[in-house]
Amino acid sequence: MSESRKPTMEAYQRHVLVCIGEKCNGSINGLDLFNKLKEKLADAGLDKGKARILRNKAVCLGICQSGPILCIQPEGVWYYNITEDKLDRIINEHLVAGNPVHEWIFHENTQS
């Protein structure tokens, strides 16, 4: 039996989860949105260094409506019905400037 090694990971500022479940597809497929997010984060300089945003796809985030759903941690901000245009605005306003786009939020973690 071999001994497992402790994994390592680069530091990141935020973690974005994108639902790719079939029930969460809206005007854009969740997987397509996830792939576009990679390009857009790189274009915004959010794919490396201190500003790095970690992104993961989730088969189901448990909402199963009004998707694609996007969840940003550690803030606990949940966005619904994300399109490519909305994604651009979320990246610019929330991920770069730190101001969530309230008109597309359906849940925020209010615990401090």
PDB file of N, CA and C in Angstrom:
ATOM      1  N   MET A   1       0.847  -1.178   0.000  1.00  0.00           N
ATOM      2  CA  MET A   1       0.000   0.000   0.000  1.00  0.00           C
ATOM      3  C   MET A   1       0.889   1.237   0.000  1.00  0.00           C
ATOM      4  N   SER A   2       0.680   2.121  -0.955  1.00  0.00           N
ATOM      5  CA  SER A   2       1.505   3.326  -1.031  1.00  0.00           C
ATOM      6  C   SER A   2       0.916   4.438  -0.171  1.00  0.00           C
ATOM      7  N   GLU A   3       1.817   5.267   0.319  1.00  0.00           N
ATOM      8  CA  GLU A   3       1.400   6.391   1.150  1.00  0.00           C
ATOM      9  C   GLU A   3       0.924   7.536   0.252  1.00  0.00           C
ATOM     10  N   SER A   4      -0.218   8.131   0.568  1.00  0.00           N
ATOM     11  CA  SER A   4      -0.715   9.236  -0.251  1.00  0.00           C
ATOM     12  C   SER A   4      -0.018  10.533   0.139  1.00  0.00           C
ATOM     13  N   ARG A   5       0.165  11.371  -0.843  1.00  0.00           N
ATOM     14  CA  ARG A   5       0.806  12.664  -0.606  1.00  0.00           C
ATOM     15  C   ARG A   5      -0.255  13.739  -0.419  1.00  0.00           C
ATOM     16  N   LYS A   6       0.075  14.681   0.413  1.00  0.00           N
ATOM     17  CA  LYS A   6      -0.811  15.809   0.646  1.00  0.00           C
ATOM     18  C   LYS A   6      -0.844  16.665  -0.625  1.00  0.00           C
ATOM     19  N   PRO A   7      -2.035  16.964  -1.163  1.00  0.00           N
ATOM     20  CA  PRO A   7      -2.104  17.769  -2.374  1.00  0.00           C
ATOM     21  C   PRO A   7      -1.719  19.221  -2.107  1.00  0.00           C
ATOM     22  N   THR A   8      -1.350  19.904  -3.166  1.00  0.00           N
ATOM     23  CA  THR A   8      -1.055  21.335  -3.087  1.00  0.00           C
ATOM     24  C   THR A   8      -1.967  22.062  -4.067  1.00  0.00           C
ATOM     25  N   MET A   9      -2.128  23.370  -3.827  1.00  0.00           N
ATOM     26  CA  MET A   9      -3.011  24.160  -4.665  1.00  0.00           C
ATOM     27  C   MET A   9      -2.542  25.603  -4.655  1.00  0.00           C
ATOM     28  N   GLU A  10      -2.644  26.261  -5.797  1.00  0.00           N
ATOM     29  CA  GLU A  10      -2.338  27.686  -5.858  1.00  0.00           C
ATOM     30  C   GLU A  10      -3.401  28.475  -5.097  1.00  0.00           C
ATOM     31  N   ALA A  11      -3.004  29.609  -4.545  1.00  0.00           N
ATOM     32  CA  ALA A  11      -3.957  30.474  -3.852  1.00  0.00           C
ATOM     33  C   ALA A  11      -4.976  31.029  -4.846  1.00  0.00           C
ATOM     34  N   TYR A  12      -6.170  31.298  -4.351  1.00  0.00           N
ATOM     35  CA  TYR A  12      -7.196  31.908  -5.181  1.00  0.00           C
ATOM     36  C   TYR A  12      -8.027  32.873  -4.341  1.00  0.00           C
ATOM     37  N   GLN A  13      -8.631  33.844  -5.018  1.00  0.00           N
ATOM     38  CA  GLN A  13      -9.408  34.883  -4.345  1.00  0.00           C
ATOM     39  C   GLN A  13     -10.865  34.467  -4.132  1.00  0.00           C
ATOM     40  N   ARG A  14     -11.459  33.875  -5.158  1.00  0.00           N
ATOM     41  CA  ARG A  14     -12.851  33.450  -5.102  1.00  0.00           C
ATOM     42  C   ARG A  14     -12.988  32.111  -5.813  1.00  0.00           C
ATOM     43  N   HIS A  15     -14.133  31.474  -5.569  1.00  0.00           N
ATOM     44  CA  HIS A  15     -14.439  30.188  -6.189  1.00  0.00           C
ATOM     45  C   HIS A  15     -15.800  30.332  -6.856  1.00  0.00           C
ATOM     46  N   VAL A  16     -15.854  30.088  -8.162  1.00  0.00           N
ATOM     47  CA  VAL A  16     -17.103  30.186  -8.919  1.00  0.00           C
ATOM     48  C   VAL A  16     -17.540  28.785  -9.319  1.00  0.00           C
ATOM     49  N   LEU A  17     -18.764  28.441  -8.953  1.00  0.00           N
ATOM     50  CA  LEU A  17     -19.352  27.155  -9.315  1.00  0.00           C
ATOM     51  C   LEU A  17     -20.423  27.396 -10.375  1.00  0.00           C
ATOM     52  N   VAL A  18     -20.388  26.614 -11.439  1.00  0.00           N
ATOM     53  CA  VAL A  18     -21.358  26.745 -12.518  1.00  0.00           C
ATOM     54  C   VAL A  18     -22.129  25.441 -12.630  1.00  0.00           C
ATOM     55  N   CYS A  19     -23.456  25.509 -12.525  1.00  0.00           N
ATOM     56  CA  CYS A  19     -24.275  24.318 -12.670  1.00  0.00           C
ATOM     57  C   CYS A  19     -24.351  23.939 -14.142  1.00  0.00           C
ATOM     58  N   ILE A  20     -24.003  22.683 -14.428  1.00  0.00           N
ATOM     59  CA  ILE A  20     -24.074  22.188 -15.803  1.00  0.00           C
ATOM     60  C   ILE A  20     -25.177  21.146 -15.957  1.00  0.00           C
ATOM     61  N   GLY A  21     -26.030  21.014 -14.945  1.00  0.00           N
ATOM     62  CA  GLY A  21     -27.116  20.037 -14.988  1.00  0.00           C
ATOM     63  C   GLY A  21     -28.103  20.328 -16.109  1.00  0.00           C
ATOM     64  N   GLU A  22     -28.708  19.274 -16.635  1.00  0.00           N
ATOM     65  CA  GLU A  22     -29.632  19.416 -17.753  1.00  0.00           C
ATOM     66  C   GLU A  22     -30.845  20.273 -17.418  1.00  0.00           C
ATOM     67  N   LYS A  23     -31.319  20.230 -16.184  1.00  0.00           N
ATOM     68  CA  LYS A  23     -32.488  21.016 -15.791  1.00  0.00           C
ATOM     69  C   LYS A  23     -32.155  22.492 -15.631  1.00  0.00           C
ATOM     70  N   CYS A  24     -30.857  22.821 -15.570  1.00  0.00           N
ATOM     71  CA  CYS A  24     -30.443  24.204 -15.361  1.00  0.00           C
ATOM     72  C   CYS A  24     -30.081  24.922 -16.651  1.00  0.00           C
ATOM     73  N   ASN A  25     -30.320  24.303 -17.777  1.00  0.00           N
ATOM     74  CA  ASN A  25     -30.003  24.966 -19.035  1.00  0.00           C
ATOM     75  C   ASN A  25     -31.050  26.018 -19.359  1.00  0.00           C
ATOM     76  N   GLY A  26     -30.593  27.204 -19.733  1.00  0.00           N
ATOM     77  CA  GLY A  26     -31.479  28.282 -20.156  1.00  0.00           C
ATOM     78  C   GLY A  26     -31.146  28.631 -21.586  1.00  0.00           C
ATOM     79  N   SER A  27     -30.920  29.904 -21.845  1.00  0.00           N
ATOM     80  CA  SER A  27     -30.584  30.340 -23.197  1.00  0.00           C
ATOM     81  C   SER A  27     -29.182  29.891 -23.593  1.00  0.00           C
ATOM     82  N   ILE A  28     -28.361  29.520 -22.610  1.00  0.00           N
ATOM     83  CA  ILE A  28     -27.025  28.992 -22.881  1.00  0.00           C
ATOM     84  C   ILE A  28     -26.847  27.742 -22.027  1.00  0.00           C
ATOM     85  N   ASN A  29     -26.217  26.748 -22.573  1.00  0.00           N
ATOM     86  CA  ASN A  29     -25.937  25.519 -21.868  1.00  0.00           C
ATOM     87  C   ASN A  29     -24.927  25.802 -20.754  1.00  0.00           C
ATOM     88  N   GLY A  30     -25.121  25.191 -19.576  1.00  0.00           N
ATOM     89  CA  GLY A  30     -24.219  25.419 -18.451  1.00  0.00           C
ATOM     90  C   GLY A  30     -22.768  25.083 -18.745  1.00  0.00           C
ATOM     91  N   LEU A  31     -22.543  24.020 -19.504  1.00  0.00           N
ATOM     92  CA  LEU A  31     -21.171  23.637 -19.854  1.00  0.00           C
ATOM     93  C   LEU A  31     -20.549  24.669 -20.786  1.00  0.00           C
ATOM     94  N   ASP A  32     -21.332  25.186 -21.728  1.00  0.00           N
ATOM     95  CA  ASP A  32     -20.830  26.253 -22.607  1.00  0.00           C
ATOM     96  C   ASP A  32     -20.478  27.496 -21.792  1.00  0.00           C
ATOM     97  N   LEU A  33     -21.320  27.825 -20.816  1.00  0.00           N
ATOM     98  CA  LEU A  33     -21.064  28.972 -19.949  1.00  0.00           C
ATOM     99  C   LEU A  33     -19.779  28.751 -19.149  1.00  0.00           C
ATOM    100  N   PHE A  34     -19.591  27.558 -18.620  1.00  0.00           N
ATOM    101  CA  PHE A  34     -18.388  27.213 -17.869  1.00  0.00           C
ATOM    102  C   PHE A  34     -17.142  27.404 -18.730  1.00  0.00           C
ATOM    103  N   ASN A  35     -17.196  26.952 -19.986  1.00  0.00           N
ATOM    104  CA  ASN A  35     -16.065  27.097 -20.898  1.00  0.00           C
ATOM    105  C   ASN A  35     -15.803  28.561 -21.245  1.00  0.00           C
ATOM    106  N   LYS A  36     -16.860  29.335 -21.444  1.00  0.00           N
ATOM    107  CA  LYS A  36     -16.698  30.767 -21.719  1.00  0.00           C
ATOM    108  C   LYS A  36     -16.115  31.485 -20.504  1.00  0.00           C
ATOM    109  N   LEU A  37     -16.480  31.042 -19.303  1.00  0.00           N
ATOM    110  CA  LEU A  37     -15.955  31.638 -18.080  1.00  0.00           C
ATOM    111  C   LEU A  37     -14.438  31.540 -18.048  1.00  0.00           C
ATOM    112  N   LYS A  38     -13.887  30.422 -18.482  1.00  0.00           N
ATOM    113  CA  LYS A  38     -12.431  30.259 -18.508  1.00  0.00           C
ATOM    114  C   LYS A  38     -11.784  31.342 -19.357  1.00  0.00           C
ATOM    115  N   GLU A  39     -12.305  31.535 -20.567  1.00  0.00           N
ATOM    116  CA  GLU A  39     -11.762  32.549 -21.481  1.00  0.00           C
ATOM    117  C   GLU A  39     -11.908  33.956 -20.899  1.00  0.00           C
ATOM    118  N   LYS A  40     -13.071  34.238 -20.347  1.00  0.00           N
ATOM    119  CA  LYS A  40     -13.357  35.577 -19.841  1.00  0.00           C
ATOM    120  C   LYS A  40     -12.528  35.909 -18.591  1.00  0.00           C
ATOM    121  N   LEU A  41     -12.294  34.914 -17.739  1.00  0.00           N
ATOM    122  CA  LEU A  41     -11.442  35.147 -16.572  1.00  0.00           C
ATOM    123  C   LEU A  41     -10.011  35.442 -17.015  1.00  0.00           C
ATOM    124  N   ALA A  42      -9.538  34.719 -18.019  1.00  0.00           N
ATOM    125  CA  ALA A  42      -8.195  34.971 -18.554  1.00  0.00           C
ATOM    126  C   ALA A  42      -8.121  36.374 -19.165  1.00  0.00           C
ATOM    127  N   ASP A  43      -9.134  36.751 -19.935  1.00  0.00           N
ATOM    128  CA  ASP A  43      -9.164  38.086 -20.546  1.00  0.00           C
ATOM    129  C   ASP A  43      -9.146  39.197 -19.501  1.00  0.00           C
ATOM    130  N   ALA A  44      -9.765  38.933 -18.344  1.00  0.00           N
ATOM    131  CA  ALA A  44      -9.831  39.932 -17.270  1.00  0.00           C
ATOM    132  C   ALA A  44      -8.620  39.849 -16.342  1.00  0.00           C
ATOM    133  N   GLY A  45      -7.690  38.930 -16.616  1.00  0.00           N
ATOM    134  CA  GLY A  45      -6.510  38.782 -15.764  1.00  0.00           C
ATOM    135  C   GLY A  45      -6.808  38.113 -14.435  1.00  0.00           C
ATOM    136  N   LEU A  46      -7.888  37.325 -14.386  1.00  0.00           N
ATOM    137  CA  LEU A  46      -8.306  36.679 -13.142  1.00  0.00           C
ATOM    138  C   LEU A  46      -7.998  35.179 -13.133  1.00  0.00           C
ATOM    139  N   ASP A  47      -7.028  34.774 -13.926  1.00  0.00           N
ATOM    140  CA  ASP A  47      -6.693  33.352 -13.990  1.00  0.00           C
ATOM    141  C   ASP A  47      -5.340  33.014 -13.370  1.00  0.00           C
ATOM    142  N   LYS A  48      -4.649  34.027 -12.845  1.00  0.00           N
ATOM    143  CA  LYS A  48      -3.307  33.807 -12.273  1.00  0.00           C
ATOM    144  C   LYS A  48      -3.065  34.734 -11.096  1.00  0.00           C
ATOM    145  N   GLY A  49      -2.081  34.383 -10.310  1.00  0.00           N
ATOM    146  CA  GLY A  49      -1.621  35.262  -9.241  1.00  0.00           C
ATOM    147  C   GLY A  49      -2.631  35.480  -8.138  1.00  0.00           C
ATOM    148  N   LYS A  50      -2.482  36.604  -7.426  1.00  0.00           N
ATOM    149  CA  LYS A  50      -3.339  36.915  -6.274  1.00  0.00           C
ATOM    150  C   LYS A  50      -4.806  37.074  -6.646  1.00  0.00           C
ATOM    151  N   ALA A  51      -5.081  37.518  -7.862  1.00  0.00           N
ATOM    152  CA  ALA A  51      -6.455  37.765  -8.296  1.00  0.00           C
ATOM    153  C   ALA A  51      -7.141  36.514  -8.835  1.00  0.00           C
ATOM    154  N   ARG A  52      -6.446  35.380  -8.820  1.00  0.00           N
ATOM    155  CA  ARG A  52      -6.960  34.149  -9.434  1.00  0.00           C
ATOM    156  C   ARG A  52      -8.334  33.762  -8.909  1.00  0.00           C
ATOM    157  N   ILE A  53      -9.219  33.429  -9.853  1.00  0.00           N
ATOM    158  CA  ILE A  53     -10.548  32.919  -9.535  1.00  0.00           C
ATOM    159  C   ILE A  53     -10.560  31.439  -9.911  1.00  0.00           C
ATOM    160  N   LEU A  54     -10.876  30.598  -8.956  1.00  0.00           N
ATOM    161  CA  LEU A  54     -11.003  29.163  -9.193  1.00  0.00           C
ATOM    162  C   LEU A  54     -12.406  28.909  -9.724  1.00  0.00           C
ATOM    163  N   ARG A  55     -12.527  28.075 -10.734  1.00  0.00           N
ATOM    164  CA  ARG A  55     -13.849  27.758 -11.278  1.00  0.00           C
ATOM    165  C   ARG A  55     -14.020  26.253 -11.327  1.00  0.00           C
ATOM    166  N   ASN A  56     -15.235  25.817 -11.029  1.00  0.00           N
ATOM    167  CA  ASN A  56     -15.579  24.399 -11.110  1.00  0.00           C
ATOM    168  C   ASN A  56     -16.986  24.253 -11.652  1.00  0.00           C
ATOM    169  N   LYS A  57     -17.196  23.147 -12.364  1.00  0.00           N
ATOM    170  CA  LYS A  57     -18.541  22.822 -12.810  1.00  0.00           C
ATOM    171  C   LYS A  57     -19.177  21.897 -11.783  1.00  0.00           C
ATOM    172  N   ALA A  58     -20.466  22.033 -11.617  1.00  0.00           N
ATOM    173  CA  ALA A  58     -21.216  21.187 -10.699  1.00  0.00           C
ATOM    174  C   ALA A  58     -22.346  20.523 -11.475  1.00  0.00           C
ATOM    175  N   VAL A  59     -22.480  19.231 -11.341  1.00  0.00           N
ATOM    176  CA  VAL A  59     -23.540  18.514 -12.042  1.00  0.00           C
ATOM    177  C   VAL A  59     -24.898  18.974 -11.529  1.00  0.00           C
ATOM    178  N   CYS A  60     -24.980  19.297 -10.245  1.00  0.00           N
ATOM    179  CA  CYS A  60     -26.227  19.806  -9.681  1.00  0.00           C
ATOM    180  C   CYS A  60     -25.923  20.643  -8.443  1.00  0.00           C
ATOM    181  N   LEU A  61     -26.486  21.841  -8.398  1.00  0.00           N
ATOM    182  CA  LEU A  61     -26.384  22.691  -7.206  1.00  0.00           C
ATOM    183  C   LEU A  61     -27.683  22.659  -6.400  1.00  0.00           C
ATOM    184  N   GLY A  62     -28.647  21.835  -6.841  1.00  0.00           N
ATOM    185  CA  GLY A  62     -29.874  21.636  -6.075  1.00  0.00           C
ATOM    186  C   GLY A  62     -30.965  22.663  -6.319  1.00  0.00           C
ATOM    187  N   ILE A  63     -30.833  23.528  -7.296  1.00  0.00           N
ATOM    188  CA  ILE A  63     -31.856  24.533  -7.575  1.00  0.00           C
ATOM    189  C   ILE A  63     -32.808  24.029  -8.667  1.00  0.00           C
ATOM    190  N   CYS A  64     -32.245  23.513  -9.745  1.00  0.00           N
ATOM    191  CA  CYS A  64     -32.972  22.836 -10.826  1.00  0.00           C
ATOM    192  C   CYS A  64     -34.036  23.690 -11.512  1.00  0.00           C
ATOM    193  N   GLN A  65     -33.800  24.973 -11.595  1.00  0.00           N
ATOM    194  CA  GLN A  65     -34.673  25.869 -12.353  1.00  0.00           C
ATOM    195  C   GLN A  65     -33.951  27.185 -12.596  1.00  0.00           C
ATOM    196  N   SER A  66     -34.401  27.912 -13.589  1.00  0.00           N
ATOM    197  CA  SER A  66     -33.889  29.258 -13.890  1.00  0.00           C
ATOM    198  C   SER A  66     -32.379  29.300 -14.090  1.00  0.00           C
ATOM    199  N   GLY A  67     -31.847  28.275 -14.732  1.00  0.00           N
ATOM    200  CA  GLY A  67     -30.410  28.220 -14.954  1.00  0.00           C
ATOM    201  C   GLY A  67     -30.005  28.794 -16.283  1.00  0.00           C
ATOM    202  N   PRO A  68     -28.734  28.798 -16.510  1.00  0.00           N
ATOM    203  CA  PRO A  68     -27.677  28.287 -15.649  1.00  0.00           C
ATOM    204  C   PRO A  68     -27.525  29.100 -14.355  1.00  0.00           C
ATOM    205  N   ILE A  69     -27.169  28.380 -13.309  1.00  0.00           N
ATOM    206  CA  ILE A  69     -26.941  28.957 -11.982  1.00  0.00           C
ATOM    207  C   ILE A  69     -25.436  29.136 -11.796  1.00  0.00           C
ATOM    208  N   LEU A  70     -25.076  30.247 -11.170  1.00  0.00           N
ATOM    209  CA  LEU A  70     -23.675  30.555 -10.872  1.00  0.00           C
ATOM    210  C   LEU A  70     -23.600  30.894  -9.391  1.00  0.00           C
ATOM    211  N   CYS A  71     -22.687  30.278  -8.666  1.00  0.00           N
ATOM    212  CA  CYS A  71     -22.513  30.532  -7.236  1.00  0.00           C
ATOM    213  C   CYS A  71     -21.094  31.023  -6.997  1.00  0.00           C
ATOM    214  N   ILE A  72     -20.955  32.161  -6.320  1.00  0.00           N
ATOM    215  CA  ILE A  72     -19.638  32.739  -6.044  1.00  0.00           C
ATOM    216  C   ILE A  72     -19.363  32.652  -4.547  1.00  0.00           C
ATOM    217  N   GLN A  73     -18.258  32.001  -4.228  1.00  0.00           N
ATOM    218  CA  GLN A  73     -17.806  31.854  -2.847  1.00  0.00           C
ATOM    219  C   GLN A  73     -16.520  32.647  -2.653  1.00  0.00           C
ATOM    220  N   PRO A  74     -16.200  33.187  -1.516  1.00  0.00           N
ATOM    221  CA  PRO A  74     -16.792  32.882  -0.225  1.00  0.00           C
ATOM    222  C   PRO A  74     -18.005  33.726   0.127  1.00  0.00           C
ATOM    223  N   GLU A  75     -18.425  34.639  -0.738  1.00  0.00           N
ATOM    224  CA  GLU A  75     -19.550  35.516  -0.415  1.00  0.00           C
ATOM    225  C   GLU A  75     -20.879  34.784  -0.292  1.00  0.00           C
ATOM    226  N   GLY A  76     -21.010  33.654  -0.984  1.00  0.00           N
ATOM    227  CA  GLY A  76     -22.279  32.938  -0.979  1.00  0.00           C
ATOM    228  C   GLY A  76     -23.318  33.656  -1.813  1.00  0.00           C
ATOM    229  N   VAL A  77     -22.914  34.206  -2.946  1.00  0.00           N
ATOM    230  CA  VAL A  77     -23.818  34.915  -3.848  1.00  0.00           C
ATOM    231  C   VAL A  77     -24.224  33.963  -4.962  1.00  0.00           C
ATOM    232  N   TRP A  78     -25.531  33.829  -5.155  1.00  0.00           N
ATOM    233  CA  TRP A  78     -26.090  32.925  -6.155  1.00  0.00           C
ATOM    234  C   TRP A  78     -26.812  33.730  -7.232  1.00  0.00           C
ATOM    235  N   TYR A  79     -26.398  33.528  -8.481  1.00  0.00           N
ATOM    236  CA  TYR A  79     -27.008  34.192  -9.634  1.00  0.00           C
ATOM    237  C   TYR A  79     -27.826  33.183 -10.439  1.00  0.00           C
ATOM    238  N   TYR A  80     -28.893  33.667 -11.091  1.00  0.00           N
ATOM    239  CA  TYR A  80     -29.736  32.778 -11.894  1.00  0.00           C
ATOM    240  C   TYR A  80     -29.860  33.284 -13.332  1.00  0.00           C
ATOM    241  N   ASN A  81     -30.271  32.360 -14.210  1.00  0.00           N
ATOM    242  CA  ASN A  81     -30.543  32.662 -15.610  1.00  0.00           C
ATOM    243  C   ASN A  81     -29.388  33.415 -16.271  1.00  0.00           C
ATOM    244  N   ILE A  82     -28.196  32.878 -16.113  1.00  0.00           N
ATOM    245  CA  ILE A  82     -27.000  33.561 -16.604  1.00  0.00           C
ATOM    246  C   ILE A  82     -26.854  33.379 -18.113  1.00  0.00           C
ATOM    247  N   THR A  83     -26.613  34.490 -18.781  1.00  0.00           N
ATOM    248  CA  THR A  83     -26.315  34.511 -20.207  1.00  0.00           C
ATOM    249  C   THR A  83     -24.867  34.978 -20.355  1.00  0.00           C
ATOM    250  N   GLU A  84     -24.370  34.974 -21.563  1.00  0.00           N
ATOM    251  CA  GLU A  84     -22.999  35.438 -21.771  1.00  0.00           C
ATOM    252  C   GLU A  84     -22.874  36.932 -21.440  1.00  0.00           C
ATOM    253  N   ASP A  85     -23.873  37.729 -21.796  1.00  0.00           N
ATOM    254  CA  ASP A  85     -23.841  39.165 -21.460  1.00  0.00           C
ATOM    255  C   ASP A  85     -23.867  39.384 -19.957  1.00  0.00           C
ATOM    256  N   LYS A  86     -24.707  38.627 -19.252  1.00  0.00           N
ATOM    257  CA  LYS A  86     -24.765  38.742 -17.794  1.00  0.00           C
ATOM    258  C   LYS A  86     -23.436  38.316 -17.176  1.00  0.00           C
ATOM    259  N   LEU A  87     -22.839  37.270 -17.740  1.00  0.00           N
ATOM    260  CA  LEU A  87     -21.548  36.805 -17.238  1.00  0.00           C
ATOM    261  C   LEU A  87     -20.493  37.902 -17.348  1.00  0.00           C
ATOM    262  N   ASP A  88     -20.483  38.622 -18.469  1.00  0.00           N
ATOM    263  CA  ASP A  88     -19.541  39.735 -18.641  1.00  0.00           C
ATOM    264  C   ASP A  88     -19.722  40.774 -17.537  1.00  0.00           C
ATOM    265  N   ARG A  89     -20.961  41.103 -17.270  1.00  0.00           N
ATOM    266  CA  ARG A  89     -21.229  42.124 -16.247  1.00  0.00           C
ATOM    267  C   ARG A  89     -20.867  41.623 -14.843  1.00  0.00           C
ATOM    268  N   ILE A  90     -21.152  40.362 -14.552  1.00  0.00           N
ATOM    269  CA  ILE A  90     -20.799  39.786 -13.249  1.00  0.00           C
ATOM    270  C   ILE A  90     -19.285  39.782 -13.066  1.00  0.00           C
ATOM    271  N   ILE A  91     -18.554  39.438 -14.115  1.00  0.00           N
ATOM    272  CA  ILE A  91     -17.092  39.452 -14.026  1.00  0.00           C
ATOM    273  C   ILE A  91     -16.596  40.865 -13.766  1.00  0.00           C
ATOM    274  N   ASN A  92     -17.061  41.827 -14.548  1.00  0.00           N
ATOM    275  CA  ASN A  92     -16.591  43.210 -14.410  1.00  0.00           C
ATOM    276  C   ASN A  92     -17.001  43.854 -13.095  1.00  0.00           C
ATOM    277  N   GLU A  93     -18.253  43.695 -12.719  1.00  0.00           N
ATOM    278  CA  GLU A  93     -18.755  44.388 -11.528  1.00  0.00           C
ATOM    279  C   GLU A  93     -18.496  43.624 -10.230  1.00  0.00           C
ATOM    280  N   HIS A  94     -18.726  42.322 -10.231  1.00  0.00           N
ATOM    281  CA  HIS A  94     -18.577  41.561  -8.988  1.00  0.00           C
ATOM    282  C   HIS A  94     -17.143  41.072  -8.786  1.00  0.00           C
ATOM    283  N   LEU A  95     -16.620  40.330  -9.763  1.00  0.00           N
ATOM    284  CA  LEU A  95     -15.313  39.707  -9.565  1.00  0.00           C
ATOM    285  C   LEU A  95     -14.158  40.701  -9.645  1.00  0.00           C
ATOM    286  N   VAL A  96     -14.266  41.723 -10.486  1.00  0.00           N
ATOM    287  CA  VAL A  96     -13.189  42.717 -10.598  1.00  0.00           C
ATOM    288  C   VAL A  96     -13.395  43.853  -9.599  1.00  0.00           C
ATOM    289  N   ALA A  97     -14.579  44.470  -9.612  1.00  0.00           N
ATOM    290  CA  ALA A  97     -14.827  45.663  -8.789  1.00  0.00           C
ATOM    291  C   ALA A  97     -15.362  45.351  -7.389  1.00  0.00           C
ATOM    292  N   GLY A  98     -15.818  44.114  -7.155  1.00  0.00           N
ATOM    293  CA  GLY A  98     -16.299  43.751  -5.822  1.00  0.00           C
ATOM    294  C   GLY A  98     -17.721  44.164  -5.511  1.00  0.00           C
ATOM    295  N   ASN A  99     -18.502  44.491  -6.555  1.00  0.00           N
ATOM    296  CA  ASN A  99     -19.893  44.920  -6.365  1.00  0.00           C
ATOM    297  C   ASN A  99     -20.841  43.915  -7.003  1.00  0.00           C
ATOM    298  N   PRO A 100     -21.493  43.068  -6.194  1.00  0.00           N
ATOM    299  CA  PRO A 100     -22.420  42.092  -6.760  1.00  0.00           C
ATOM    300  C   PRO A 100     -23.507  42.761  -7.601  1.00  0.00           C
ATOM    301  N   VAL A 101     -23.972  42.051  -8.615  1.00  0.00           N
ATOM    302  CA  VAL A 101     -25.020  42.549  -9.512  1.00  0.00           C
ATOM    303  C   VAL A 101     -26.357  42.079  -8.940  1.00  0.00           C
ATOM    304  N   HIS A 102     -26.957  42.911  -8.100  1.00  0.00           N
ATOM    305  CA  HIS A 102     -28.123  42.519  -7.306  1.00  0.00           C
ATOM    306  C   HIS A 102     -29.340  42.115  -8.120  1.00  0.00           C
ATOM    307  N   GLU A 103     -29.519  42.637  -9.309  1.00  0.00           N
ATOM    308  CA  GLU A 103     -30.726  42.322 -10.076  1.00  0.00           C
ATOM    309  C   GLU A 103     -30.804  40.860 -10.510  1.00  0.00           C
ATOM    310  N   TRP A 104     -29.690  40.116 -10.492  1.00  0.00           N
ATOM    311  CA  TRP A 104     -29.707  38.701 -10.890  1.00  0.00           C
ATOM    312  C   TRP A 104     -29.404  37.766  -9.732  1.00  0.00           C
ATOM    313  N   ILE A 105     -29.332  38.292  -8.520  1.00  0.00           N
ATOM    314  CA  ILE A 105     -29.069  37.463  -7.338  1.00  0.00           C
ATOM    315  C   ILE A 105     -30.394  36.941  -6.798  1.00  0.00           C
ATOM    316  N   PHE A 106     -30.446  35.633  -6.520  1.00  0.00           N
ATOM    317  CA  PHE A 106     -31.642  35.099  -5.868  1.00  0.00           C
ATOM    318  C   PHE A 106     -31.354  34.652  -4.434  1.00  0.00           C
ATOM    319  N   HIS A 107     -30.068  34.616  -4.061  1.00  0.00           N
ATOM    320  CA  HIS A 107     -29.732  34.262  -2.675  1.00  0.00           C
ATOM    321  C   HIS A 107     -28.341  34.801  -2.342  1.00  0.00           C
ATOM    322  N   GLU A 108     -28.205  35.306  -1.121  1.00  0.00           N
ATOM    323  CA  GLU A 108     -26.900  35.725  -0.588  1.00  0.00           C
ATOM    324  C   GLU A 108     -26.763  35.180   0.806  1.00  0.00           C
ATOM    325  N   ASN A 109     -25.558  34.728   1.139  1.00  0.00           N
ATOM    326  CA  ASN A 109     -25.288  34.280   2.493  1.00  0.00           C
ATOM    327  C   ASN A 109     -25.198  35.519   3.380  1.00  0.00           C
ATOM    328  N   THR A 110     -26.099  35.653   4.313  1.00  0.00           N
ATOM    329  CA  THR A 110     -26.130  36.851   5.166  1.00  0.00           C
ATOM    330  C   THR A 110     -25.455  36.631   6.511  1.00  0.00           C
ATOM    331  N   GLN A 111     -24.917  35.430   6.731  1.00  0.00           N
ATOM    332  CA  GLN A 111     -24.207  35.170   7.979  1.00  0.00           C
ATOM    333  C   GLN A 111     -22.855  35.830   7.960  1.00  0.00           C
ATOM    334  N   SER A 112     -22.436  36.384   9.087  1.00  0.00           N
ATOM    335  CA  SER A 112     -21.109  36.998   9.131  1.00  0.00           C
ATOM    336  C   SER A 112     -20.122  36.114   9.812  1.00  0.00           C
TER     337      SER A 112
END
